[in-house]
Protein backbone atom coordinates (compact mmCIF):
# COMPACT_ATOMS: atom_id res chain seq x y z
CA MET A 1 28.45 1.97 -6.80
CA PHE A 2 25.80 4.70 -4.96
CA SER A 3 27.17 7.49 -2.98
CA THR A 4 26.91 11.13 -1.05
CA GLU A 5 29.62 14.11 -1.47
CA ASN A 6 28.84 16.57 1.01
CA LEU A 7 25.27 16.53 1.09
CA ARG A 8 23.49 18.98 3.26
CA PHE A 9 19.76 19.71 3.72
CA THR A 10 18.47 22.36 6.40
CA PHE A 11 14.62 22.62 7.07
CA PRO A 12 13.84 25.74 5.53
CA GLU A 13 10.71 26.22 8.07
CA ASN A 14 12.78 26.41 11.43
CA GLY A 15 16.56 26.41 9.90
CA ILE A 16 17.69 22.87 11.46
CA THR A 17 20.34 21.15 9.61
CA ALA A 18 19.06 17.61 9.20
CA VAL A 19 21.89 16.36 7.22
CA ASP A 20 24.98 18.25 7.21
CA GLY A 21 27.92 17.27 4.94
CA VAL A 22 27.71 13.28 4.56
CA SER A 23 29.96 11.53 2.58
CA ILE A 24 29.11 7.57 2.30
CA GLU A 25 29.83 4.94 -0.07
CA PHE A 26 27.08 2.61 -0.89
CA GLU A 27 28.50 -0.93 -2.99
CA ALA A 28 26.45 -2.65 -5.08
CA GLY A 29 25.11 -6.51 -3.97
CA LYS A 30 25.33 -5.66 -0.33
CA ILE A 31 23.36 -5.26 2.47
CA HIS A 32 24.28 -2.11 4.16
CA ALA A 33 22.73 -0.42 7.60
CA LEU A 34 22.15 3.14 8.12
CA LEU A 35 21.97 3.69 11.88
CA GLY A 36 21.91 6.80 14.60
CA GLU A 37 19.38 7.82 17.23
CA ASN A 38 16.48 9.19 16.64
CA GLY A 39 17.11 12.77 14.89
CA ALA A 40 20.21 11.80 14.08
CA GLY A 41 19.27 12.36 9.74
CA LYS A 42 18.48 8.71 8.90
CA SER A 43 15.60 9.46 7.34
CA THR A 44 16.14 12.67 5.81
CA LEU A 45 19.22 11.47 4.31
CA ALA A 46 17.28 8.35 2.90
CA ARG A 47 14.91 10.78 1.43
CA LEU A 48 17.53 12.78 -0.04
CA CYS A 49 18.67 10.10 -2.27
CA THR A 50 15.32 8.65 -3.55
CA GLY A 51 14.54 12.61 -4.98
CA HIS A 52 11.66 12.98 -2.18
CA LEU A 53 13.45 15.96 -0.69
CA GLN A 54 15.90 18.41 -2.71
CA PRO A 55 19.70 18.68 -0.65
CA ASP A 56 20.93 22.45 -0.53
CA GLY A 57 24.47 21.11 -1.10
CA GLY A 58 26.59 18.36 -2.34
CA ARG A 59 26.07 15.73 -4.82
CA ILE A 60 24.20 12.25 -5.24
CA LEU A 61 26.38 10.22 -7.35
CA TYR A 62 25.28 6.92 -8.84
CA ASN A 63 27.95 5.30 -10.61
CA GLY A 64 29.92 7.76 -10.90
CA GLU A 65 27.22 9.83 -12.63
CA ALA A 66 25.56 13.00 -10.83
CA LEU A 67 22.21 13.39 -10.69
CA ASN A 68 19.59 15.53 -9.94
CA LEU A 69 16.76 14.39 -8.89
CA ARG A 70 13.79 16.82 -8.95
CA SER A 71 11.02 14.75 -7.31
CA ALA A 72 10.60 10.80 -6.75
CA ALA A 73 9.20 10.11 -9.75
CA ASP A 74 12.82 11.04 -10.55
CA GLY A 75 14.47 8.71 -8.59
CA ILE A 76 12.20 5.97 -9.29
CA ALA A 77 12.96 6.46 -13.00
CA ARG A 78 16.31 6.07 -11.97
CA GLY A 79 15.80 3.00 -9.76
CA LEU A 80 16.26 4.56 -6.39
CA VAL A 81 13.68 3.35 -4.37
CA LEU A 82 12.36 4.33 -1.00
CA THR A 83 10.22 2.43 1.89
CA PRO A 84 9.07 4.60 4.33
CA GLN A 85 8.83 3.83 7.92
CA HIS A 86 5.17 4.45 8.36
CA PRO A 87 3.52 2.94 4.79
CA GLN A 88 0.11 5.10 3.75
CA LEU A 89 -2.07 3.13 0.98
CA SER A 90 -5.27 4.54 -0.42
CA ALA A 91 -8.05 3.14 2.10
CA GLU A 92 -10.73 3.11 -0.89
CA LEU A 93 -8.60 1.41 -3.19
CA THR A 94 -7.86 -2.37 -3.84
CA VAL A 95 -4.25 -3.86 -2.47
CA TRP A 96 -3.82 -4.36 -6.09
CA GLU A 97 -4.88 -0.94 -7.49
CA ASN A 98 -2.66 0.14 -4.85
CA LEU A 99 0.25 -1.45 -5.94
CA ALA A 100 -0.69 -0.73 -9.48
CA ILE A 101 -0.20 2.77 -9.27
CA GLY A 102 3.12 4.23 -11.37
CA LEU A 103 3.92 0.52 -12.54
CA HIS A 104 5.09 2.19 -16.01
CA THR A 105 8.15 2.56 -14.24
CA ALA A 106 7.87 -0.82 -13.35
CA LYS A 107 9.71 -3.68 -15.84
CA ASP A 108 7.64 -6.61 -17.04
CA ILE A 109 4.47 -5.28 -16.29
CA ALA A 110 2.28 -2.47 -18.15
CA ALA A 111 -0.52 -1.32 -16.47
CA ASN A 112 -1.48 0.96 -19.19
CA VAL A 113 -2.01 -1.65 -21.31
CA LEU A 114 -3.06 -4.69 -19.24
CA SER A 115 -6.26 -5.35 -19.08
CA PRO A 116 -7.63 -4.85 -14.56
CA GLN A 117 -7.31 -8.68 -13.95
CA LYS A 118 -4.62 -9.13 -16.22
CA THR A 119 -2.36 -6.27 -14.71
CA GLN A 120 -3.91 -8.25 -10.98
CA ASN A 121 -2.78 -11.66 -12.06
CA ALA A 122 0.32 -10.13 -13.11
CA ILE A 123 1.03 -8.13 -9.69
CA ALA A 124 0.42 -11.64 -7.54
CA ALA A 125 3.16 -13.54 -10.21
CA ALA A 126 5.25 -10.92 -9.61
CA LEU A 127 5.13 -10.93 -5.24
CA ALA A 128 4.94 -14.88 -5.37
CA ARG A 129 8.10 -14.84 -6.71
CA TYR A 130 9.04 -13.05 -3.83
CA GLY A 131 6.93 -15.52 -1.48
CA ILE A 132 4.95 -12.08 -0.71
CA VAL A 133 0.92 -12.85 -0.33
CA LEU A 134 -1.10 -10.11 0.04
CA PRO A 135 -5.24 -10.16 0.00
CA LEU A 136 -4.62 -8.21 -3.39
CA THR A 137 -8.84 -7.94 -4.11
CA GLN A 138 -9.58 -6.46 -0.30
CA LYS A 139 -9.35 -2.71 0.38
CA ALA A 140 -6.07 -1.56 1.89
CA GLU A 141 -8.19 -0.30 4.47
CA THR A 142 -8.70 -3.71 5.69
CA LEU A 143 -4.72 -4.64 6.33
CA ASP A 144 -2.71 -4.58 9.52
CA THR A 145 0.05 -2.97 10.53
CA ALA A 146 2.53 -6.11 9.22
CA GLN A 147 0.38 -6.28 5.98
CA LEU A 148 1.29 -2.42 5.15
CA HIS A 149 5.04 -3.03 5.59
CA TRP A 150 4.64 -6.09 3.14
CA ALA A 151 2.44 -4.18 0.80
CA ALA A 152 5.02 -1.28 0.86
CA ILE A 153 8.04 -3.36 0.15
CA GLY A 154 6.32 -5.36 -2.65
CA GLU A 155 5.09 -2.44 -4.11
CA ALA A 156 8.95 -1.06 -4.47
CA LEU A 157 9.61 -5.00 -5.32
CA LEU A 158 7.90 -4.25 -8.11
CA LYS A 159 9.50 -1.11 -9.54
CA ASN A 160 12.79 -3.17 -9.72
CA PRO A 161 15.07 -0.99 -7.39
CA SER A 162 18.62 -0.67 -8.02
CA VAL A 163 19.63 1.70 -4.92
CA PHE A 164 16.59 0.25 -2.76
CA PHE A 165 15.90 2.22 1.26
CA LEU A 166 13.62 0.67 3.27
CA ASP A 167 13.20 2.82 6.43
CA GLU A 168 12.55 0.47 9.60
CA PRO A 169 10.93 -2.32 7.47
CA SER A 170 10.62 -4.73 9.66
CA ALA A 171 9.38 -2.99 12.54
CA SER A 172 6.19 -4.90 12.92
CA PHE A 173 7.23 -8.32 11.46
CA SER A 174 7.67 -11.67 13.66
CA PRO A 175 10.91 -13.38 13.42
CA GLN A 176 9.80 -15.59 10.71
CA GLU A 177 8.59 -12.30 8.95
CA ILE A 178 12.45 -11.05 9.48
CA THR A 179 14.08 -13.94 7.84
CA GLN A 180 11.85 -13.97 4.81
CA LEU A 181 12.62 -10.13 4.41
CA TYR A 182 16.07 -10.60 4.30
CA GLY A 183 16.16 -13.26 1.93
CA ILE A 184 13.94 -11.46 -0.72
CA LEU A 185 16.50 -8.29 0.34
CA ARG A 186 19.64 -10.89 -0.35
CA SER A 187 18.58 -11.70 -3.19
CA CYS A 188 17.59 -8.68 -4.82
CA ALA A 189 21.90 -8.10 -4.02
CA GLY A 190 22.42 -11.47 -5.19
CA ARG A 191 21.41 -9.41 -8.54
CA GLY A 192 23.62 -6.45 -8.09
CA ALA A 193 21.27 -4.05 -6.26
CA CYS A 194 22.16 -1.67 -3.36
CA ILE A 195 20.39 -2.47 -0.34
CA ILE A 196 20.44 0.25 2.40
CA VAL A 197 18.34 -0.71 5.69
CA VAL A 198 17.62 2.13 8.03
CA THR A 199 16.91 0.72 11.41
CA HIS A 200 17.22 0.57 15.22
CA ARG A 201 17.63 -2.78 16.07
CA ILE A 202 21.13 -3.45 16.57
CA GLN A 203 20.79 -7.39 16.67
CA GLU A 204 19.07 -7.43 13.21
CA VAL A 205 22.06 -5.43 12.18
CA LEU A 206 24.73 -8.12 13.17
CA SER A 207 22.45 -11.11 11.82
CA PHE A 208 21.96 -9.56 8.45
CA MET A 209 23.78 -6.77 7.30
CA ASP A 210 27.17 -6.80 5.07
CA THR A 211 28.13 -2.77 6.83
CA VAL A 212 27.52 -0.08 8.77
CA HIS A 213 27.03 3.54 8.45
CA ILE A 214 26.25 5.55 11.99
CA LEU A 215 24.94 9.30 11.94
CA ARG A 216 24.80 11.22 14.24
CA ASN A 217 23.92 14.87 14.60
CA GLY A 218 23.76 15.07 10.86
CA LYS A 219 27.17 14.07 9.98
CA THR A 220 28.71 10.54 9.32
CA VAL A 221 30.88 9.40 12.07
CA TRP A 222 31.46 5.74 11.86
CA ASN A 223 32.32 3.19 8.52
CA GLY A 224 32.70 -0.20 9.02
CA SER A 225 32.05 -4.28 7.57
CA ILE A 226 30.30 -6.43 9.91
CA ASP A 227 32.95 -8.85 10.92
CA SER A 228 33.78 -10.26 14.41
CA THR A 229 35.28 -7.19 15.64
CA VAL A 230 31.69 -5.39 15.88
CA ASN A 231 29.81 -6.13 18.27
CA ALA A 232 26.27 -4.29 19.51
CA ASN A 233 28.53 -2.33 22.28
CA LEU A 234 30.48 -1.14 19.81
CA LEU A 235 27.79 -0.13 17.83
CA LEU A 236 25.64 1.40 20.46
CA GLN A 237 28.73 3.56 21.62
CA GLU A 238 29.38 4.83 18.24
CA ILE A 239 25.40 6.17 18.18
CA PHE A 240 25.70 7.48 20.92
CA GLY A 241 28.67 8.90 21.58
CA SER A 242 29.59 10.78 25.27
CA GLU A 243 26.69 9.96 25.90
CA GLN A 244 26.62 6.05 25.99
CA ALA A 245 27.42 6.59 30.01
CA GLU A 246 23.90 8.55 30.29
CA TRP A 247 21.76 5.03 28.49
CA THR A 248 24.26 2.79 30.18
CA ALA A 249 23.55 3.89 33.89
CA ALA A 250 19.99 4.24 32.73
CA GLU A 251 20.24 0.26 31.77
CA ALA A 252 21.73 -0.51 35.35
CA GLN A 253 19.04 1.62 36.99
CA LEU A 254 16.69 -0.78 35.35
CA ASP A 255 17.89 -3.53 37.35
CA THR A 256 16.25 -6.09 34.24
CA PRO A 257 17.16 -9.96 34.47
CA PRO A 258 18.77 -10.34 30.85
CA ILE A 259 17.04 -11.68 28.00
CA GLN A 260 18.98 -15.54 27.20
CA ALA A 261 19.34 -16.08 23.83
CA ASN A 262 17.53 -18.98 22.47
CA THR A 263 19.64 -20.78 19.67
CA GLY A 264 17.28 -23.48 19.06
CA THR A 265 14.07 -23.25 17.43
CA ALA A 266 10.89 -23.18 18.55
CA ALA A 267 8.05 -25.08 16.53
CA GLY A 268 7.27 -23.07 13.77
CA SER A 269 9.39 -20.15 14.56
CA SER A 270 12.80 -19.10 12.41
CA ASN A 271 15.78 -19.73 13.84
CA ILE A 272 17.38 -15.88 13.50
CA ASN A 273 18.61 -14.90 17.00
CA THR A 274 16.59 -11.86 17.96
CA SER A 275 17.51 -12.03 21.65
CA SER A 276 18.62 -8.34 21.68
CA TYR A 277 15.14 -6.71 19.49
CA THR A 278 13.73 -3.97 21.03
CA ASN A 279 11.49 -2.68 18.45
CA THR A 280 8.46 -3.14 17.45
CA PRO A 281 6.59 -1.33 14.82
CA GLN A 282 -8.33 1.15 11.75
CA PRO A 283 -10.86 1.83 11.97
CA ASP A 284 -11.58 5.83 11.75
CA THR A 285 -14.94 5.90 14.14
CA VAL A 286 -14.16 6.45 17.57
CA SER A 287 -16.76 6.95 20.02
CA PRO A 288 -17.55 10.85 21.41
CA GLU A 289 -17.78 9.33 24.73
CA HIS A 290 -14.69 7.42 24.97
CA PRO A 291 -12.38 9.87 22.71
CA SER A 292 -8.57 8.02 21.53
CA ALA A 293 -6.23 9.68 19.70
CA ALA A 294 -7.61 8.73 16.58
CA SER A 295 -10.14 11.19 17.02
CA LEU A 296 -7.81 14.40 16.80
CA SER A 297 -10.27 15.88 15.22
CA LYS A 298 -10.65 19.70 15.32
CA ALA A 299 -13.63 19.28 17.75
CA ALA A 300 -11.81 16.86 20.16
CA LEU A 301 -8.57 19.67 19.81
CA LYS A 302 -10.48 22.80 20.24
CA GLY A 303 -14.48 22.75 20.64
CA THR A 304 -14.63 21.00 22.91
CA LEU A 305 -12.28 22.25 25.14
CA GLN A 306 -14.86 24.57 25.92
CA SER A 307 -16.83 22.68 28.03
CA SER A 308 -14.02 22.01 30.94
CA THR A 309 -14.74 23.98 34.43
CA VAL A 310 -11.25 22.49 35.71
CA SER A 311 -8.95 24.70 37.52
CA PRO A 312 -5.48 25.81 35.60
CA THR A 313 -2.28 25.28 37.26
CA SER A 314 -2.60 24.58 41.30
CA GLN A 315 -5.39 22.12 40.51
CA PHE A 316 -3.46 20.58 37.31
CA GLN A 317 -0.07 20.09 39.58
CA SER A 318 -1.81 18.78 42.20
CA SER A 319 -5.14 17.75 42.47
CA SER A 320 -4.74 15.52 39.46
CA THR A 321 -1.37 13.98 41.00
CA SER A 322 -2.95 13.97 44.60
CA GLN A 323 -6.44 12.22 43.36
CA PHE A 324 -4.23 9.46 41.51
CA GLN A 325 -2.31 8.45 44.37
CA ALA A 326 -4.61 8.28 46.99
CA SER A 327 -6.98 6.26 43.93
CA SER A 328 -3.63 4.48 43.81
CA SER A 329 -3.71 3.47 47.36
CA LYS A 330 -6.68 1.44 47.21
CA PRO A 331 -7.39 -2.03 46.74
CA ALA A 332 -8.97 -1.90 42.92
CA ALA A 333 -9.76 -4.30 40.12
CA GLY A 334 -7.97 -2.40 37.25
CA LEU A 335 -8.83 -3.24 34.17
CA THR A 336 -11.29 -5.77 33.36
CA VAL A 337 -12.30 -7.61 30.00
CA SER A 338 -14.88 -10.33 31.25
CA HIS A 339 -16.34 -12.91 28.63
CA VAL A 340 -16.16 -10.34 25.76
CA ALA A 341 -17.50 -11.16 21.80
CA ALA A 342 -16.53 -9.50 18.67
CA VAL A 343 -15.18 -9.49 15.35
CA SER A 344 -12.57 -7.14 13.58
CA ASN A 345 -13.25 -6.18 9.78
CA ARG A 346 -10.28 -8.31 9.57
CA GLY A 347 -12.19 -11.23 10.40
CA VAL A 348 -10.35 -12.04 13.41
CA ARG A 349 -12.53 -12.70 16.28
CA PHE A 350 -13.57 -13.16 19.70
CA SER A 351 -16.00 -14.92 21.38
CA ASP A 352 -15.56 -15.48 25.11
CA PHE A 353 -12.24 -12.92 25.35
CA SER A 354 -11.53 -12.00 28.81
CA ILE A 355 -8.02 -10.91 30.59
CA ASP A 356 -7.63 -8.87 33.96
CA VAL A 357 -4.67 -6.12 34.18
CA PRO A 358 -4.43 -5.12 37.82
CA HIS A 359 -3.23 -1.74 39.38
CA GLY A 360 0.37 -1.76 40.03
CA LYS A 361 1.59 -4.25 37.03
CA ILE A 362 3.04 -4.45 33.67
CA THR A 363 0.57 -6.79 32.09
CA GLY A 364 2.06 -7.87 28.15
CA VAL A 365 -0.30 -9.54 25.77
CA VAL A 366 1.92 -11.13 22.84
CA GLY A 367 0.73 -12.37 19.62
CA ILE A 368 1.24 -12.24 15.41
CA LYS A 369 -0.92 -9.25 14.35
CA LYS A 370 -3.52 -11.22 12.49
CA GLN A 371 -4.00 -12.99 16.01
CA GLY A 372 -6.27 -10.11 17.53
CA LEU A 373 -3.77 -8.05 18.98
CA GLU A 374 -5.35 -4.71 16.98
CA LEU A 375 -8.58 -5.93 18.15
CA LEU A 376 -7.74 -6.37 21.51
CA GLU A 377 -6.14 -2.88 21.64
CA TYR A 378 -9.60 -1.26 19.75
CA LEU A 379 -11.64 -2.11 21.88
CA LEU A 380 -9.83 -1.23 24.86
CA VAL A 381 -10.26 2.61 23.26
CA ASN A 382 -13.83 2.14 22.56
CA THR A 383 -12.98 2.20 18.47
CA LEU A 384 -14.76 -0.68 18.35
CA LYS A 385 -17.80 -1.50 20.43
CA PRO A 386 -17.85 -5.47 21.47
CA ASP A 387 -20.97 -7.48 20.25
CA SER A 388 -21.35 -8.83 24.45
CA GLY A 389 -19.40 -9.04 27.42
CA THR A 390 -18.15 -5.91 29.53
CA ILE A 391 -14.59 -3.53 29.49
CA ARG A 392 -14.54 -1.81 33.00
CA PHE A 393 -11.94 -0.03 35.09
CA ASP A 394 -12.30 -0.06 38.65
CA GLY A 395 -15.63 -1.43 37.95
CA LYS A 396 -16.67 1.50 35.55
CA PRO A 397 -17.10 1.07 31.93
CA LEU A 398 -14.19 1.61 30.34
CA SER A 399 -15.82 3.85 27.68
CA ARG A 400 -16.88 6.32 30.12
CA ILE A 401 -13.72 7.41 32.09
CA PRO A 402 -12.46 10.89 31.72
CA ARG A 403 -9.85 11.30 28.63
CA GLU A 404 -7.11 12.29 31.29
CA THR A 405 -7.73 9.48 33.17
CA TYR A 406 -6.10 7.02 30.28
CA ALA A 407 -3.08 7.07 28.29
CA TYR A 408 -3.13 5.10 24.79
CA ILE A 409 -0.26 4.85 22.72
CA PRO A 410 -1.37 3.33 19.69
CA SER A 411 0.23 0.84 17.38
CA LYS A 412 -0.40 3.15 13.91
CA ARG A 413 1.36 6.21 14.95
CA MET A 414 0.86 7.92 11.95
CA ARG A 415 -2.50 7.15 12.09
CA ASN A 416 -4.62 7.37 14.92
CA GLY A 417 -1.53 9.08 17.47
CA ILE A 418 -1.69 12.85 15.52
CA ALA A 419 -3.91 14.93 13.93
CA GLY A 420 -1.39 15.90 11.24
CA ARG A 421 -3.19 19.66 10.39
CA HIS A 422 -2.62 20.45 13.82
CA SER A 423 0.31 22.35 15.28
CA ILE A 424 2.86 20.39 17.56
CA ALA A 425 0.79 22.21 20.51
CA GLU A 426 -2.87 21.21 19.52
CA ASN A 427 -1.40 17.39 19.18
CA LEU A 428 0.18 18.03 22.78
CA TYR A 429 -2.86 19.60 24.98
CA VAL A 430 -5.18 16.78 24.07
CA ARG A 431 -5.06 14.41 27.51
CA ALA A 432 -4.59 17.91 29.32
CA ARG A 433 -7.26 20.01 27.70
CA ALA A 434 -9.33 19.81 31.04
CA SER A 435 -6.37 21.51 33.04
CA LEU A 436 -5.34 24.12 30.81
CA TYR A 437 -8.92 26.13 30.52
CA ARG A 438 -10.63 27.36 33.90
CA PHE A 439 -14.34 27.95 33.68
CA GLY A 440 -14.02 27.32 29.21
CA ILE A 441 -11.58 30.24 29.53
CA TYR A 442 -8.72 29.52 27.85
CA SER A 443 -5.43 30.04 30.38
CA PRO A 444 -1.71 30.91 29.36
CA ALA A 445 -0.12 29.93 32.82
CA ALA A 446 -1.67 26.68 33.26
CA VAL A 447 -0.29 26.29 29.63
CA GLU A 448 2.79 27.71 30.63
CA ALA A 449 3.22 25.53 33.48
CA TRP A 450 2.01 22.47 31.85
CA LYS A 451 5.20 23.17 29.30
CA ARG A 452 7.25 22.85 31.83
CA SER A 453 6.26 19.79 33.35
CA CYS A 454 6.04 17.92 29.66
CA SER A 455 9.13 15.61 29.50
CA PHE A 456 9.09 16.81 25.34
CA ASP A 457 12.09 18.59 24.41
CA ILE A 458 12.30 19.77 20.72
CA PRO A 459 14.01 22.28 18.25
CA ARG A 460 10.94 23.32 17.00
CA SER A 461 8.56 26.71 17.62
CA TRP A 462 4.70 24.69 19.04
CA LYS A 463 2.81 26.31 16.36
CA ASP A 464 4.46 24.42 13.96
CA SER A 465 2.72 21.60 12.56
CA VAL A 466 3.47 18.50 13.89
CA LEU A 467 4.33 17.16 10.48
CA SER A 468 7.34 18.83 10.74
CA LEU A 469 8.53 16.51 13.27
CA SER A 470 10.87 13.55 12.51
CA GLY A 471 9.29 10.06 12.91
CA GLY A 472 11.16 9.49 16.10
CA MET A 473 10.16 12.93 16.93
CA ILE A 474 6.59 12.40 16.76
CA GLN A 475 7.05 8.85 19.27
CA LYS A 476 8.24 11.02 21.21
CA LEU A 477 5.54 13.62 21.27
CA ILE A 478 3.02 10.71 22.00
CA PHE A 479 4.61 9.27 24.84
CA SER A 480 5.04 12.89 26.51
CA ARG A 481 1.27 13.87 25.97
CA GLU A 482 -0.13 10.37 27.10
CA LEU A 483 2.45 9.78 30.12
CA ASP A 484 3.31 12.97 31.82
CA ASN A 485 0.76 15.01 33.36
CA PRO A 486 -1.70 14.51 34.40
CA PRO A 487 -0.16 11.02 35.57
CA PRO A 488 -2.65 8.13 34.00
CA GLN A 489 -4.20 5.61 36.16
CA LEU A 490 -4.42 3.18 33.15
CA VAL A 491 -1.86 2.94 30.28
CA ILE A 492 -2.87 1.17 27.14
CA CYS A 493 0.68 0.51 25.09
CA ALA A 494 0.83 -0.83 21.70
CA GLU A 495 3.86 -1.83 20.22
CA PRO A 496 6.36 0.49 21.90
CA TYR A 497 9.67 0.30 21.12
CA TRP A 498 8.65 0.05 17.52
CA GLY A 499 11.15 2.63 15.93
CA LEU A 500 13.06 4.17 19.12
CA ASP A 501 17.27 4.24 20.04
CA ARG A 502 17.94 2.02 22.88
CA LYS A 503 18.37 5.19 25.15
CA VAL A 504 14.67 6.36 24.35
CA GLN A 505 13.29 2.98 24.02
CA LEU A 506 14.88 2.78 28.21
CA ALA A 507 13.95 6.20 28.64
CA LEU A 508 10.36 4.84 27.50
CA LEU A 509 10.76 1.68 29.60
CA GLN A 510 11.74 3.31 32.82
CA ARG A 511 8.35 5.82 32.38
CA LEU A 512 6.19 2.66 31.96
CA ARG A 513 7.22 1.21 35.59
CA ASN A 514 7.61 4.58 37.20
CA LEU A 515 3.78 4.89 36.64
CA ALA A 516 3.41 0.88 36.88
CA GLU A 517 5.15 1.47 41.09
CA LYS A 518 2.86 4.48 41.38
CA GLY A 519 -0.49 2.41 41.07
CA ALA A 520 -1.07 2.64 37.24
CA ALA A 521 -2.52 -0.45 35.58
CA VAL A 522 -0.15 -0.83 32.63
CA ILE A 523 -1.36 -3.10 29.46
CA VAL A 524 1.09 -3.79 26.61
CA LEU A 525 0.24 -5.15 23.31
CA THR A 526 2.97 -6.23 20.66
CA SER A 527 4.68 -8.65 18.70
CA ASP A 528 7.95 -8.15 19.40
CA VAL A 529 8.85 -11.08 22.73
CA ASP A 530 11.83 -9.28 23.52
CA ALA A 531 9.86 -5.89 24.00
CA ALA A 532 7.64 -7.94 26.37
CA LEU A 533 9.82 -10.14 27.95
CA GLU A 534 11.94 -6.85 29.06
CA THR A 535 9.06 -4.81 29.41
CA CYS A 536 6.36 -6.65 31.20
CA ASP A 537 5.95 -8.24 34.83
CA ARG A 538 3.13 -10.94 33.21
CA ILE A 539 2.35 -12.05 29.48
CA HIS A 540 -0.25 -13.62 28.06
CA VAL A 541 -0.09 -15.23 24.58
CA LEU A 542 -2.99 -14.32 22.27
CA TYR A 543 -3.62 -17.24 19.25
CA ARG A 544 -6.81 -17.13 17.11
CA GLY A 545 -8.57 -14.79 19.68
CA VAL A 546 -7.57 -16.90 22.67
CA LEU A 547 -4.87 -16.32 25.53
CA THR A 548 -3.38 -19.95 25.13
CA ARG A 549 -0.07 -19.26 27.52
CA PHE A 550 0.61 -16.96 30.77
CA MET A 551 3.96 -16.65 32.41
CA GLU A 552 4.96 -14.37 35.44
CA ARG A 553 8.49 -13.11 34.84
CA SER A 554 9.87 -15.37 37.43
CA ALA A 555 8.99 -18.20 34.94
CA TYR A 556 9.98 -16.46 31.23
CA ASN A 557 10.95 -18.80 28.61
CA ARG A 558 11.62 -17.13 25.76
CA ALA A 559 11.19 -19.93 23.40
CA GLU A 560 7.77 -21.59 25.05
CA ILE A 561 6.19 -17.87 23.79
CA ILE A 562 7.55 -18.45 20.40
CA ALA A 563 6.33 -21.63 19.83
CA ALA A 564 2.66 -20.54 21.33
CA MET A 565 2.83 -17.85 19.55
CA MET A 566 4.48 -19.24 16.10
CA GLN A 567 1.52 -22.17 16.13
CA ALA A 568 -0.12 -20.39 13.67
CA SER A 569 2.45 -21.00 10.96
CA LYS A 570 1.80 -25.12 11.42
CA ASP A 571 -1.94 -24.54 11.59
CA GLU A 572 -2.52 -22.50 8.08
C-alpha cells in the first residue's frame, strides 16, 4: 500500500498552494487514475510522492512506513519512479546511453560493471520483454515525440518500480500503442506494482483503470472504483464541480456532431474504444527570416524588437485587426504546399508532397508520427527547408511573412514553445512584439493594453520565470500568445489537445473555429483521430509521406481513417 496523509505543498516563489491536505491510498496490484483540470495539483502530487519535491507538511507512507524523500534518487532507491509529462533526454547521447544513466539503481543490469556493448545488449533484452523497440544506437535528438515517451517509460521500467507514476504517458501514442502501454502496466500491476497514471483522457480511464482519484484546487474531492456506475459524465462533474454548466454550455454552443464510436476493428488497428479521446500529445536551427517558437533566444525576445516601427496601442488594437479582416474578405489562396521534396533527420521523406489549406476552413492532417507529421510541421515553420517545391501563403513565400501574421502551436511545447530562461512576459510578447514598440522604444501603455486583451490569466507575476508554471498553464500561455492579439491569418497547430482538460479543449476548439470563421487558414497536425474529427472541417490522412485519403466533414468515417493511418503496421 502506498498512501499520502494530509500532504501539503506551497510554491515558495509565489505562495501558491498546489497540494492542500491530500490523503489518498493507492493499492498495490492496481492501476489508478489521477484526474483533475489543468492546475489541480496532479503533477505536483506525483513529484512530491517520488522525491522530486519535498512537502511542507503531511506524510508519504509505503507499506506503513513514513518516507523522508530528499531527492528523486531517494525515491528511485525505494522503488518510486516518475515518468514526466515532457520527457527530456540528453540530445547528444545515444538512446541506450540515456537509458544506462542511473542503472545502478536497476535490478539485473549493472552498468558500472558491464562493458558498453554488454550494457547495450542488456538494455535491449530488458526492453524486449515489454515489447518496446527503440533505436538504441541513434542519438536521442533523432527521436520523435512518441519514441521519447517510450524511452522515458522504458527507462522507468528498467528501474523495476514498485510505485510507478506516469504523467500523461499516452498523449502522443496511436491506439495500438495505447493498448500496448496498458498491457505493460497491467503486467507490472500483476507483479504487485502500484501504478498511478495522471491523465485527462476519460475514455482511457474507463477502459483500462481500476480506481479513480480526483483533485480540485489541490484537494481530493472524489475517490472510487471503476464499475458500472462510473461514466464520463460523472467523472467530468467531479473534475469541474459547480463549473460543469459552463463547459457543458460551451460544448453545446459548438454544435459539433457526435463522434460515433466504432466497436469493430479496422485493419491494423487495435480494438480499443477511443471514441472519447481528446488529447493528442526538433531541429533546433530556425531561419531568422521566419522565426518559430523554437528560436526564442535573447535576440528573438529582445534584440529584434528594437527594429520595430509599429505604433503602440491604437495600431495594435485597430490597424492589425482591420487589416486582417480586410484581407480575409478577399478571395485568397491560403496556404499552398506544392510538389515539395524533403527528408527529415529521421529518414522520413516527401517526394512530391502537395496540400492546400484554404481560408475559412480548419484542415486536418492525421497520421502516425513517424509517417511525416513532424516533417510537415517543421517545413511549415521553416525549421527545415525543402529540397524542392514551394510553400506559400496567399502567393508569397511562407518564410517571408511577418511573425504577427501566423500562429504556431508546436507539438513539442516545452522545447519549441517556450524560452525556459525567460519570464512569463517575455514568452508572451513574442508574436506581439511589433505592437509593443514604437520607433524602437518600448511602450508601457501598449503593453498594458495588450495584457488586458490577453485571454491568459494566471496567479503569477509576469516577471516570474515561465518554468514556474505547470505544464497545463504553459500550454494556456502558448495558446493565448499565438491566438489572441493580433489575430493570426494563418494557424499552424500541432497536437492541439495534448494534456488539456476538457474545458480548456473546448475553449481552444472555439478559438480555432472563431478564427476560421473570420477568414484565417487553419491547419491541424495530429495523431489523434478523434481530435481531428471534432476540430476539422476536412481531413487528410498522411501515410509514408503521402496523403492517401481525404474526407469532408459530411463524409467522415472514423474506421476508414484509422485503417488508412495504421496501414503501416501491416506493411512493416
